[in-house]
Every structure is written in structure tokens, then in C-alpha cells.
Amino acid sequence: MNSLKYPLSNVQVELLKLFSTNLSENDLKELKILISRFYSQKAIKEADKLWDQKDYSNKDMDKWLNEQS
């Protein structure tokens, strides 16, 4: 038996326990969407926090979007 070079993270262990049976393709798709939403909400929350800390405005965003690269 091959041993892992890197230990599993706590979330990997929990997911393995939780999903020890096969999911239908539809359930797997729904799970992927759920996980994607979880991480996108966390990213939005952090971006909003940074936005407030830096006191950015919509005018700043418009300026950035219209800058030539």
C-alpha cells in the first residue's frame, strides 16, 4: 500500500467520511456549486472589508476599469 507524502487536511478527512458512497452526477454537480458559492461569498466578504478599510469608492473602481494596461 502506498503511503501519502502529504497528510490530508481536516476538511479532506471530513469530506472522505461524509461522502464514502458514490453521489449521483446531479448531486455531485450541486455539491460543487455549493462549495463554489461558499468560497465566493468568503472572497466577497474579504473584498468588501478591504474596500471599507481603504475607503474606496465607485469612482475609484470606474477609474481602474477604464485604465489602459
PDB file of N, CA and C in Angstrom:
ATOM      1  N   MET A   1       0.840  -1.181   0.000  1.00  0.00           N
ATOM      2  CA  MET A   1       0.000   0.000   0.000  1.00  0.00           C
ATOM      3  C   MET A   1       0.885   1.244   0.000  1.00  0.00           C
ATOM      4  N   ASN A   2       0.531   2.226  -0.810  1.00  0.00           N
ATOM      5  CA  ASN A   2       1.288   3.471  -0.871  1.00  0.00           C
ATOM      6  C   ASN A   2       0.889   4.377   0.280  1.00  0.00           C
ATOM      7  N   SER A   3       1.861   5.016   0.873  1.00  0.00           N
ATOM      8  CA  SER A   3       1.549   5.982   1.921  1.00  0.00           C
ATOM      9  C   SER A   3       1.555   7.377   1.313  1.00  0.00           C
ATOM     10  N   LEU A   4       0.789   8.259   1.910  1.00  0.00           N
ATOM     11  CA  LEU A   4       0.697   9.621   1.412  1.00  0.00           C
ATOM     12  C   LEU A   4       1.943  10.407   1.790  1.00  0.00           C
ATOM     13  N   LYS A   5       2.430  11.193   0.860  1.00  0.00           N
ATOM     14  CA  LYS A   5       3.574  12.055   1.151  1.00  0.00           C
ATOM     15  C   LYS A   5       3.124  13.262   1.966  1.00  0.00           C
ATOM     16  N   TYR A   6       1.888  13.685   1.764  1.00  0.00           N
ATOM     17  CA  TYR A   6       1.345  14.833   2.478  1.00  0.00           C
ATOM     18  C   TYR A   6       0.098  14.374   3.224  1.00  0.00           C
ATOM     19  N   PRO A   7      -0.017  14.719   4.488  1.00  0.00           N
ATOM     20  CA  PRO A   7      -1.219  14.308   5.228  1.00  0.00           C
ATOM     21  C   PRO A   7      -2.447  15.048   4.700  1.00  0.00           C
ATOM     22  N   LEU A   8      -3.580  14.432   4.861  1.00  0.00           N
ATOM     23  CA  LEU A   8      -4.828  15.065   4.439  1.00  0.00           C
ATOM     24  C   LEU A   8      -5.167  16.205   5.392  1.00  0.00           C
ATOM     25  N   SER A   9      -5.793  17.228   4.859  1.00  0.00           N
ATOM     26  CA  SER A   9      -6.248  18.330   5.706  1.00  0.00           C
ATOM     27  C   SER A   9      -7.501  17.890   6.459  1.00  0.00           C
ATOM     28  N   ASN A  10      -7.880  18.655   7.458  1.00  0.00           N
ATOM     29  CA  ASN A  10      -9.074  18.311   8.224  1.00  0.00           C
ATOM     30  C   ASN A  10     -10.327  18.293   7.345  1.00  0.00           C
ATOM     31  N   VAL A  11     -10.407  19.192   6.382  1.00  0.00           N
ATOM     32  CA  VAL A  11     -11.586  19.214   5.514  1.00  0.00           C
ATOM     33  C   VAL A  11     -11.595  18.003   4.579  1.00  0.00           C
ATOM     34  N   GLN A  12     -10.433  17.575   4.121  1.00  0.00           N
ATOM     35  CA  GLN A  12     -10.370  16.392   3.264  1.00  0.00           C
ATOM     36  C   GLN A  12     -10.819  15.146   4.020  1.00  0.00           C
ATOM     37  N   VAL A  13     -10.385  15.019   5.259  1.00  0.00           N
ATOM     38  CA  VAL A  13     -10.780  13.865   6.075  1.00  0.00           C
ATOM     39  C   VAL A  13     -12.289  13.863   6.284  1.00  0.00           C
ATOM     40  N   GLU A  14     -12.851  15.018   6.620  1.00  0.00           N
ATOM     41  CA  GLU A  14     -14.292  15.093   6.859  1.00  0.00           C
ATOM     42  C   GLU A  14     -15.086  14.795   5.597  1.00  0.00           C
ATOM     43  N   LEU A  15     -14.632  15.303   4.464  1.00  0.00           N
ATOM     44  CA  LEU A  15     -15.332  15.030   3.209  1.00  0.00           C
ATOM     45  C   LEU A  15     -15.254  13.554   2.839  1.00  0.00           C
ATOM     46  N   LEU A  16     -14.118  12.933   3.091  1.00  0.00           N
ATOM     47  CA  LEU A  16     -13.999  11.494   2.823  1.00  0.00           C
ATOM     48  C   LEU A  16     -14.970  10.696   3.686  1.00  0.00           C
ATOM     49  N   LYS A  17     -15.089  11.075   4.941  1.00  0.00           N
ATOM     50  CA  LYS A  17     -16.033  10.387   5.834  1.00  0.00           C
ATOM     51  C   LYS A  17     -17.470  10.610   5.378  1.00  0.00           C
ATOM     52  N   LEU A  18     -17.763  11.855   5.041  1.00  0.00           N
ATOM     53  CA  LEU A  18     -19.129  12.221   4.678  1.00  0.00           C
ATOM     54  C   LEU A  18     -19.575  11.576   3.369  1.00  0.00           C
ATOM     55  N   PHE A  19     -18.667  11.493   2.423  1.00  0.00           N
ATOM     56  CA  PHE A  19     -19.027  11.007   1.096  1.00  0.00           C
ATOM     57  C   PHE A  19     -18.346   9.684   0.775  1.00  0.00           C
ATOM     58  N   SER A  20     -18.478   8.743   1.671  1.00  0.00           N
ATOM     59  CA  SER A  20     -17.863   7.436   1.443  1.00  0.00           C
ATOM     60  C   SER A  20     -18.646   6.603   0.426  1.00  0.00           C
ATOM     61  N   THR A  21     -19.801   7.092   0.010  1.00  0.00           N
ATOM     62  CA  THR A  21     -20.570   6.424  -1.041  1.00  0.00           C
ATOM     63  C   THR A  21     -20.580   7.312  -2.284  1.00  0.00           C
ATOM     64  N   ASN A  22     -20.867   6.727  -3.418  1.00  0.00           N
ATOM     65  CA  ASN A  22     -20.907   7.488  -4.659  1.00  0.00           C
ATOM     66  C   ASN A  22     -22.121   8.402  -4.691  1.00  0.00           C
ATOM     67  N   LEU A  23     -21.908   9.595  -5.220  1.00  0.00           N
ATOM     68  CA  LEU A  23     -23.001  10.537  -5.424  1.00  0.00           C
ATOM     69  C   LEU A  23     -23.466  10.445  -6.869  1.00  0.00           C
ATOM     70  N   SER A  24     -24.717  10.777  -7.070  1.00  0.00           N
ATOM     71  CA  SER A  24     -25.199  10.859  -8.450  1.00  0.00           C
ATOM     72  C   SER A  24     -24.518  12.056  -9.113  1.00  0.00           C
ATOM     73  N   GLU A  25     -24.510  12.073 -10.421  1.00  0.00           N
ATOM     74  CA  GLU A  25     -23.897  13.188 -11.141  1.00  0.00           C
ATOM     75  C   GLU A  25     -24.570  14.502 -10.762  1.00  0.00           C
ATOM     76  N   ASN A  26     -25.886  14.470 -10.593  1.00  0.00           N
ATOM     77  CA  ASN A  26     -26.619  15.678 -10.231  1.00  0.00           C
ATOM     78  C   ASN A  26     -26.226  16.158  -8.832  1.00  0.00           C
ATOM     79  N   ASP A  27     -26.142  15.228  -7.873  1.00  0.00           N
ATOM     80  CA  ASP A  27     -25.744  15.591  -6.513  1.00  0.00           C
ATOM     81  C   ASP A  27     -24.313  16.123  -6.486  1.00  0.00           C
ATOM     82  N   LEU A  28     -23.441  15.524  -7.263  1.00  0.00           N
ATOM     83  CA  LEU A  28     -22.059  15.985  -7.331  1.00  0.00           C
ATOM     84  C   LEU A  28     -21.994  17.404  -7.896  1.00  0.00           C
ATOM     85  N   LYS A  29     -22.784  17.656  -8.917  1.00  0.00           N
ATOM     86  CA  LYS A  29     -22.837  18.993  -9.512  1.00  0.00           C
ATOM     87  C   LYS A  29     -23.345  20.005  -8.487  1.00  0.00           C
ATOM     88  N   GLU A  30     -24.404  19.649  -7.752  1.00  0.00           N
ATOM     89  CA  GLU A  30     -24.947  20.537  -6.727  1.00  0.00           C
ATOM     90  C   GLU A  30     -23.925  20.809  -5.627  1.00  0.00           C
ATOM     91  N   LEU A  31     -23.176  19.790  -5.238  1.00  0.00           N
ATOM     92  CA  LEU A  31     -22.152  19.947  -4.209  1.00  0.00           C
ATOM     93  C   LEU A  31     -21.050  20.899  -4.679  1.00  0.00           C
ATOM     94  N   LYS A  32     -20.629  20.757  -5.916  1.00  0.00           N
ATOM     95  CA  LYS A  32     -19.602  21.648  -6.460  1.00  0.00           C
ATOM     96  C   LYS A  32     -20.087  23.096  -6.470  1.00  0.00           C
ATOM     97  N   ILE A  33     -21.344  23.291  -6.814  1.00  0.00           N
ATOM     98  CA  ILE A  33     -21.921  24.639  -6.818  1.00  0.00           C
ATOM     99  C   ILE A  33     -21.963  25.194  -5.398  1.00  0.00           C
ATOM    100  N   LEU A  34     -22.368  24.371  -4.453  1.00  0.00           N
ATOM    101  CA  LEU A  34     -22.437  24.781  -3.054  1.00  0.00           C
ATOM    102  C   LEU A  34     -21.063  25.201  -2.532  1.00  0.00           C
ATOM    103  N   ILE A  35     -20.051  24.410  -2.820  1.00  0.00           N
ATOM    104  CA  ILE A  35     -18.692  24.732  -2.373  1.00  0.00           C
ATOM    105  C   ILE A  35     -18.193  26.005  -3.063  1.00  0.00           C
ATOM    106  N   SER A  36     -18.483  26.149  -4.344  1.00  0.00           N
ATOM    107  CA  SER A  36     -18.081  27.354  -5.076  1.00  0.00           C
ATOM    108  C   SER A  36     -18.725  28.595  -4.476  1.00  0.00           C
ATOM    109  N   ARG A  37     -20.002  28.501  -4.153  1.00  0.00           N
ATOM    110  CA  ARG A  37     -20.702  29.638  -3.538  1.00  0.00           C
ATOM    111  C   ARG A  37     -20.116  29.976  -2.171  1.00  0.00           C
ATOM    112  N   PHE A  38     -19.783  28.949  -1.393  1.00  0.00           N
ATOM    113  CA  PHE A  38     -19.191  29.159  -0.072  1.00  0.00           C
ATOM    114  C   PHE A  38     -17.918  29.988  -0.197  1.00  0.00           C
ATOM    115  N   TYR A  39     -17.029  29.579  -1.101  1.00  0.00           N
ATOM    116  CA  TYR A  39     -15.761  30.294  -1.249  1.00  0.00           C
ATOM    117  C   TYR A  39     -15.940  31.658  -1.908  1.00  0.00           C
ATOM    118  N   SER A  40     -16.876  31.794  -2.829  1.00  0.00           N
ATOM    119  CA  SER A  40     -17.085  33.099  -3.454  1.00  0.00           C
ATOM    120  C   SER A  40     -17.659  34.091  -2.445  1.00  0.00           C
ATOM    121  N   GLN A  41     -18.543  33.631  -1.551  1.00  0.00           N
ATOM    122  CA  GLN A  41     -19.083  34.511  -0.513  1.00  0.00           C
ATOM    123  C   GLN A  41     -17.984  34.959   0.451  1.00  0.00           C
ATOM    124  N   LYS A  42     -17.075  34.058   0.791  1.00  0.00           N
ATOM    125  CA  LYS A  42     -15.953  34.425   1.658  1.00  0.00           C
ATOM    126  C   LYS A  42     -15.064  35.464   0.972  1.00  0.00           C
ATOM    127  N   ALA A  43     -14.813  35.284  -0.317  1.00  0.00           N
ATOM    128  CA  ALA A  43     -13.972  36.222  -1.064  1.00  0.00           C
ATOM    129  C   ALA A  43     -14.637  37.594  -1.150  1.00  0.00           C
ATOM    130  N   ILE A  44     -15.933  37.610  -1.394  1.00  0.00           N
ATOM    131  CA  ILE A  44     -16.669  38.874  -1.471  1.00  0.00           C
ATOM    132  C   ILE A  44     -16.626  39.596  -0.131  1.00  0.00           C
ATOM    133  N   LYS A  45     -16.815  38.843   0.949  1.00  0.00           N
ATOM    134  CA  LYS A  45     -16.780  39.439   2.285  1.00  0.00           C
ATOM    135  C   LYS A  45     -15.410  40.066   2.563  1.00  0.00           C
ATOM    136  N   GLU A  46     -14.341  39.379   2.194  1.00  0.00           N
ATOM    137  CA  GLU A  46     -12.989  39.917   2.395  1.00  0.00           C
ATOM    138  C   GLU A  46     -12.743  41.137   1.509  1.00  0.00           C
ATOM    139  N   ALA A  47     -13.226  41.093   0.274  1.00  0.00           N
ATOM    140  CA  ALA A  47     -13.062  42.234  -0.631  1.00  0.00           C
ATOM    141  C   ALA A  47     -13.832  43.445  -0.103  1.00  0.00           C
ATOM    142  N   ASP A  48     -15.037  43.213   0.405  1.00  0.00           N
ATOM    143  CA  ASP A  48     -15.823  44.307   0.986  1.00  0.00           C
ATOM    144  C   ASP A  48     -15.113  44.918   2.189  1.00  0.00           C
ATOM    145  N   LYS A  49     -14.510  44.065   3.007  1.00  0.00           N
ATOM    146  CA  LYS A  49     -13.777  44.541   4.182  1.00  0.00           C
ATOM    147  C   LYS A  49     -12.593  45.415   3.748  1.00  0.00           C
ATOM    148  N   LEU A  50     -11.854  44.950   2.761  1.00  0.00           N
ATOM    149  CA  LEU A  50     -10.722  45.713   2.242  1.00  0.00           C
ATOM    150  C   LEU A  50     -11.193  47.032   1.624  1.00  0.00           C
ATOM    151  N   TRP A  51     -12.273  46.970   0.897  1.00  0.00           N
ATOM    152  CA  TRP A  51     -12.865  48.156   0.262  1.00  0.00           C
ATOM    153  C   TRP A  51     -13.154  49.217   1.324  1.00  0.00           C
ATOM    154  N   ASP A  52     -13.756  48.787   2.440  1.00  0.00           N
ATOM    155  CA  ASP A  52     -14.078  49.715   3.527  1.00  0.00           C
ATOM    156  C   ASP A  52     -12.819  50.230   4.221  1.00  0.00           C
ATOM    157  N   GLN A  53     -11.850  49.350   4.446  1.00  0.00           N
ATOM    158  CA  GLN A  53     -10.604  49.757   5.109  1.00  0.00           C
ATOM    159  C   GLN A  53      -9.846  50.795   4.290  1.00  0.00           C
ATOM    160  N   LYS A  54      -9.851  50.628   2.985  1.00  0.00           N
ATOM    161  CA  LYS A  54      -9.121  51.533   2.086  1.00  0.00           C
ATOM    162  C   LYS A  54      -9.966  52.739   1.680  1.00  0.00           C
ATOM    163  N   ASP A  55     -11.228  52.748   2.092  1.00  0.00           N
ATOM    164  CA  ASP A  55     -12.168  53.835   1.782  1.00  0.00           C
ATOM    165  C   ASP A  55     -12.292  54.065   0.272  1.00  0.00           C
ATOM    166  N   TYR A  56     -12.387  52.961  -0.479  1.00  0.00           N
ATOM    167  CA  TYR A  56     -12.564  53.046  -1.919  1.00  0.00           C
ATOM    168  C   TYR A  56     -13.992  53.472  -2.250  1.00  0.00           C
ATOM    169  N   SER A  57     -14.159  54.015  -3.436  1.00  0.00           N
ATOM    170  CA  SER A  57     -15.481  54.445  -3.897  1.00  0.00           C
ATOM    171  C   SER A  57     -15.757  53.860  -5.282  1.00  0.00           C
ATOM    172  N   ASN A  58     -16.986  54.043  -5.726  1.00  0.00           N
ATOM    173  CA  ASN A  58     -17.338  53.599  -7.081  1.00  0.00           C
ATOM    174  C   ASN A  58     -16.531  54.374  -8.125  1.00  0.00           C
ATOM    175  N   LYS A  59     -16.206  55.613  -7.791  1.00  0.00           N
ATOM    176  CA  LYS A  59     -15.386  56.426  -8.697  1.00  0.00           C
ATOM    177  C   LYS A  59     -14.004  55.785  -8.875  1.00  0.00           C
ATOM    178  N   ASP A  60     -13.425  55.278  -7.780  1.00  0.00           N
ATOM    179  CA  ASP A  60     -12.136  54.580  -7.866  1.00  0.00           C
ATOM    180  C   ASP A  60     -12.246  53.366  -8.789  1.00  0.00           C
ATOM    181  N   MET A  61     -13.300  52.603  -8.636  1.00  0.00           N
ATOM    182  CA  MET A  61     -13.483  51.402  -9.447  1.00  0.00           C
ATOM    183  C   MET A  61     -13.626  51.761 -10.922  1.00  0.00           C
ATOM    184  N   ASP A  62     -14.415  52.785 -11.214  1.00  0.00           N
ATOM    185  CA  ASP A  62     -14.570  53.220 -12.606  1.00  0.00           C
ATOM    186  C   ASP A  62     -13.225  53.633 -13.198  1.00  0.00           C
ATOM    187  N   LYS A  63     -12.418  54.328 -12.400  1.00  0.00           N
ATOM    188  CA  LYS A  63     -11.090  54.753 -12.857  1.00  0.00           C
ATOM    189  C   LYS A  63     -10.232  53.534 -13.188  1.00  0.00           C
ATOM    190  N   TRP A  64     -10.218  52.541 -12.310  1.00  0.00           N
ATOM    191  CA  TRP A  64      -9.411  51.331 -12.531  1.00  0.00           C
ATOM    192  C   TRP A  64      -9.877  50.569 -13.768  1.00  0.00           C
ATOM    193  N   LEU A  65     -11.194  50.483 -13.924  1.00  0.00           N
ATOM    194  CA  LEU A  65     -11.736  49.730 -15.055  1.00  0.00           C
ATOM    195  C   LEU A  65     -11.428  50.390 -16.395  1.00  0.00           C
ATOM    196  N   ASN A  66     -11.248  51.701 -16.377  1.00  0.00           N
ATOM    197  CA  ASN A  66     -11.015  52.427 -17.624  1.00  0.00           C
ATOM    198  C   ASN A  66      -9.545  52.727 -17.887  1.00  0.00           C
ATOM    199  N   GLU A  67      -8.656  52.265 -16.992  1.00  0.00           N
ATOM    200  CA  GLU A  67      -7.220  52.463 -17.204  1.00  0.00           C
ATOM    201  C   GLU A  67      -6.740  51.602 -18.364  1.00  0.00           C
ATOM    202  N   GLN A  68      -5.784  52.152 -19.106  1.00  0.00           N
ATOM    203  CA  GLN A  68      -5.140  51.380 -20.168  1.00  0.00           C
ATOM    204  C   GLN A  68      -4.044  50.539 -19.536  1.00  0.00           C
ATOM    205  N   SER A  69      -3.944  49.276 -19.930  1.00  0.00           N
ATOM    206  CA  SER A  69      -2.908  48.426 -19.338  1.00  0.00           C
ATOM    207  C   SER A  69      -1.612  48.477 -20.080  1.00  0.00           C
TER     208      SER A  69
END
